[in-house]
Amino acid sequence: MESNGNGGETKFRKSTFCAAHHDCVEVALVDNGARLVRDSKHRSGAMLQFTSSEWDAFVKGVRAGEFG
């Protein structure tokens, strides 16, 4: 876990499908409902932040097969 800048901890997780691979992304839920996404190989690098609405739209698209 890492500090989230607000005195709390941010817990990143990755898919269980990534167990045998090292090229995964990690996702964390933050206090305001947003999601942080980072590269598991570069944990101290840049992170992307998505609002809860953006994340929900992404998950719905994945489930609907919109990304091939």
N, C-alpha and C. Protein backbone atom coordinates (compact mmCIF):
# COMPACT_ATOMS: atom_id res chain seq x y z
N MET A 1 0.83 -1.18 0.00
CA MET A 1 0.00 0.00 0.00
C MET A 1 0.87 1.24 0.00
N GLU A 2 0.30 2.30 -0.49
CA GLU A 2 1.02 3.56 -0.57
C GLU A 2 0.17 4.68 -0.03
N SER A 3 0.83 5.74 0.38
CA SER A 3 0.11 6.91 0.87
C SER A 3 -0.70 7.52 -0.26
N ASN A 4 -1.91 7.95 0.05
CA ASN A 4 -2.75 8.59 -0.96
C ASN A 4 -2.69 10.10 -0.89
N GLY A 5 -1.82 10.65 -0.05
CA GLY A 5 -1.69 12.09 0.07
C GLY A 5 -2.67 12.72 1.02
N ASN A 6 -3.61 11.94 1.50
CA ASN A 6 -4.62 12.45 2.43
C ASN A 6 -4.50 11.79 3.79
N GLY A 7 -3.34 11.25 4.10
CA GLY A 7 -3.12 10.59 5.37
C GLY A 7 -3.56 9.15 5.40
N GLY A 8 -4.12 8.65 4.29
CA GLY A 8 -4.58 7.26 4.23
C GLY A 8 -3.70 6.43 3.32
N GLU A 9 -4.08 5.21 3.13
CA GLU A 9 -3.33 4.30 2.29
C GLU A 9 -4.14 4.00 1.03
N THR A 10 -3.45 3.86 -0.09
CA THR A 10 -4.07 3.49 -1.35
C THR A 10 -3.65 2.06 -1.65
N LYS A 11 -4.60 1.19 -1.79
CA LYS A 11 -4.32 -0.22 -2.04
C LYS A 11 -4.56 -0.53 -3.52
N PHE A 12 -3.48 -0.80 -4.24
CA PHE A 12 -3.57 -1.19 -5.64
C PHE A 12 -3.76 -2.70 -5.73
N ARG A 13 -4.47 -3.11 -6.77
CA ARG A 13 -4.66 -4.54 -7.01
C ARG A 13 -4.57 -4.78 -8.51
N LYS A 14 -4.30 -6.02 -8.87
CA LYS A 14 -4.29 -6.38 -10.28
C LYS A 14 -5.07 -7.67 -10.47
N SER A 15 -5.44 -7.93 -11.68
CA SER A 15 -6.23 -9.10 -12.01
C SER A 15 -5.48 -10.38 -11.66
N THR A 16 -6.21 -11.38 -11.26
CA THR A 16 -5.61 -12.69 -11.01
C THR A 16 -5.09 -13.30 -12.30
N PHE A 17 -5.54 -12.81 -13.46
CA PHE A 17 -5.04 -13.29 -14.74
C PHE A 17 -3.60 -12.82 -14.99
N CYS A 18 -3.12 -11.88 -14.21
CA CYS A 18 -1.77 -11.34 -14.38
C CYS A 18 -0.72 -12.13 -13.60
N ALA A 19 -1.09 -13.13 -12.88
CA ALA A 19 -0.16 -13.85 -12.01
C ALA A 19 1.08 -14.34 -12.74
N ALA A 20 0.95 -14.83 -13.96
CA ALA A 20 2.09 -15.38 -14.69
C ALA A 20 2.77 -14.34 -15.58
N HIS A 21 2.23 -13.15 -15.61
CA HIS A 21 2.76 -12.10 -16.49
C HIS A 21 3.23 -10.92 -15.67
N HIS A 22 4.14 -10.17 -16.23
CA HIS A 22 4.65 -9.00 -15.52
C HIS A 22 4.21 -7.70 -16.19
N ASP A 23 3.46 -7.80 -17.27
CA ASP A 23 3.02 -6.61 -17.99
C ASP A 23 1.54 -6.36 -17.72
N CYS A 24 1.26 -5.96 -16.50
CA CYS A 24 -0.11 -5.77 -16.06
C CYS A 24 -0.33 -4.33 -15.62
N VAL A 25 -1.58 -3.99 -15.45
CA VAL A 25 -1.91 -2.72 -14.84
C VAL A 25 -2.49 -3.00 -13.46
N GLU A 26 -2.37 -2.02 -12.58
CA GLU A 26 -2.93 -2.12 -11.24
C GLU A 26 -3.95 -1.01 -11.07
N VAL A 27 -4.99 -1.29 -10.30
CA VAL A 27 -6.09 -0.34 -10.11
C VAL A 27 -6.31 -0.13 -8.61
N ALA A 28 -6.59 1.10 -8.25
CA ALA A 28 -6.90 1.43 -6.85
C ALA A 28 -8.16 2.28 -6.80
N LEU A 29 -8.98 2.03 -5.81
CA LEU A 29 -10.16 2.85 -5.53
C LEU A 29 -9.74 3.92 -4.53
N VAL A 30 -10.05 5.18 -4.83
CA VAL A 30 -9.71 6.26 -3.92
C VAL A 30 -10.97 6.80 -3.26
N ASP A 31 -10.78 7.60 -2.21
CA ASP A 31 -11.88 8.03 -1.34
C ASP A 31 -13.08 8.63 -2.08
N ASN A 32 -12.86 9.38 -3.15
CA ASN A 32 -13.97 10.03 -3.85
C ASN A 32 -14.66 9.13 -4.87
N GLY A 33 -14.31 7.85 -4.88
CA GLY A 33 -14.92 6.90 -5.81
C GLY A 33 -14.19 6.78 -7.13
N ALA A 34 -13.19 7.60 -7.33
CA ALA A 34 -12.41 7.54 -8.57
C ALA A 34 -11.49 6.32 -8.54
N ARG A 35 -10.90 6.01 -9.69
CA ARG A 35 -9.95 4.90 -9.79
C ARG A 35 -8.61 5.44 -10.28
N LEU A 36 -7.55 4.91 -9.73
CA LEU A 36 -6.20 5.18 -10.21
C LEU A 36 -5.72 3.94 -10.93
N VAL A 37 -5.03 4.13 -12.04
CA VAL A 37 -4.50 3.03 -12.84
C VAL A 37 -3.02 3.30 -13.08
N ARG A 38 -2.18 2.27 -12.86
CA ARG A 38 -0.74 2.42 -13.08
C ARG A 38 -0.18 1.15 -13.69
N ASP A 39 1.01 1.25 -14.25
CA ASP A 39 1.74 0.13 -14.83
C ASP A 39 2.43 -0.63 -13.70
N SER A 40 2.23 -1.92 -13.61
CA SER A 40 2.81 -2.71 -12.52
C SER A 40 4.33 -2.76 -12.58
N LYS A 41 4.91 -2.51 -13.75
CA LYS A 41 6.37 -2.52 -13.87
C LYS A 41 6.99 -1.19 -13.45
N HIS A 42 6.19 -0.14 -13.40
CA HIS A 42 6.68 1.21 -13.09
C HIS A 42 5.79 1.84 -12.03
N ARG A 43 5.76 1.24 -10.87
CA ARG A 43 4.85 1.67 -9.82
C ARG A 43 5.05 3.11 -9.36
N SER A 44 6.24 3.63 -9.49
CA SER A 44 6.48 5.01 -9.07
C SER A 44 6.26 5.99 -10.22
N GLY A 45 5.87 5.48 -11.38
CA GLY A 45 5.65 6.33 -12.55
C GLY A 45 4.27 6.98 -12.54
N ALA A 46 3.90 7.47 -13.68
CA ALA A 46 2.63 8.19 -13.83
C ALA A 46 1.44 7.27 -13.60
N MET A 47 0.36 7.87 -13.12
CA MET A 47 -0.90 7.17 -12.92
C MET A 47 -1.99 7.92 -13.67
N LEU A 48 -2.96 7.19 -14.13
CA LEU A 48 -4.15 7.79 -14.72
C LEU A 48 -5.24 7.77 -13.68
N GLN A 49 -6.07 8.82 -13.64
CA GLN A 49 -7.20 8.85 -12.72
C GLN A 49 -8.48 8.97 -13.52
N PHE A 50 -9.45 8.15 -13.17
CA PHE A 50 -10.75 8.13 -13.83
C PHE A 50 -11.84 8.38 -12.79
N THR A 51 -12.82 9.18 -13.15
CA THR A 51 -13.96 9.40 -12.26
C THR A 51 -14.75 8.09 -12.17
N SER A 52 -15.64 8.01 -11.21
CA SER A 52 -16.44 6.79 -11.09
C SER A 52 -17.31 6.59 -12.33
N SER A 53 -17.82 7.66 -12.92
CA SER A 53 -18.62 7.55 -14.15
C SER A 53 -17.80 7.05 -15.32
N GLU A 54 -16.59 7.57 -15.46
CA GLU A 54 -15.70 7.12 -16.53
C GLU A 54 -15.35 5.65 -16.36
N TRP A 55 -15.06 5.25 -15.12
CA TRP A 55 -14.69 3.86 -14.85
C TRP A 55 -15.88 2.93 -15.13
N ASP A 56 -17.06 3.32 -14.70
CA ASP A 56 -18.25 2.50 -14.96
C ASP A 56 -18.49 2.32 -16.46
N ALA A 57 -18.30 3.39 -17.23
CA ALA A 57 -18.48 3.30 -18.69
C ALA A 57 -17.44 2.35 -19.29
N PHE A 58 -16.20 2.41 -18.82
CA PHE A 58 -15.15 1.52 -19.29
C PHE A 58 -15.49 0.06 -18.99
N VAL A 59 -15.88 -0.23 -17.75
CA VAL A 59 -16.21 -1.60 -17.36
C VAL A 59 -17.39 -2.12 -18.17
N LYS A 60 -18.40 -1.30 -18.37
CA LYS A 60 -19.56 -1.72 -19.20
C LYS A 60 -19.11 -2.03 -20.62
N GLY A 61 -18.19 -1.22 -21.17
CA GLY A 61 -17.68 -1.47 -22.52
C GLY A 61 -16.91 -2.78 -22.60
N VAL A 62 -16.10 -3.07 -21.59
CA VAL A 62 -15.37 -4.34 -21.55
C VAL A 62 -16.34 -5.50 -21.52
N ARG A 63 -17.31 -5.42 -20.64
CA ARG A 63 -18.28 -6.52 -20.52
C ARG A 63 -19.11 -6.72 -21.78
N ALA A 64 -19.32 -5.63 -22.53
CA ALA A 64 -20.10 -5.72 -23.77
C ALA A 64 -19.24 -6.13 -24.96
N GLY A 65 -17.94 -6.31 -24.76
CA GLY A 65 -17.06 -6.73 -25.83
C GLY A 65 -16.70 -5.62 -26.80
N GLU A 66 -16.77 -4.38 -26.39
CA GLU A 66 -16.52 -3.25 -27.27
C GLU A 66 -15.05 -3.05 -27.63
N PHE A 67 -14.14 -3.73 -26.95
CA PHE A 67 -12.72 -3.51 -27.17
C PHE A 67 -12.02 -4.68 -27.84
N GLY A 68 -12.79 -5.50 -28.49
CA GLY A 68 -12.25 -6.57 -29.30
C GLY A 68 -11.72 -7.72 -28.58
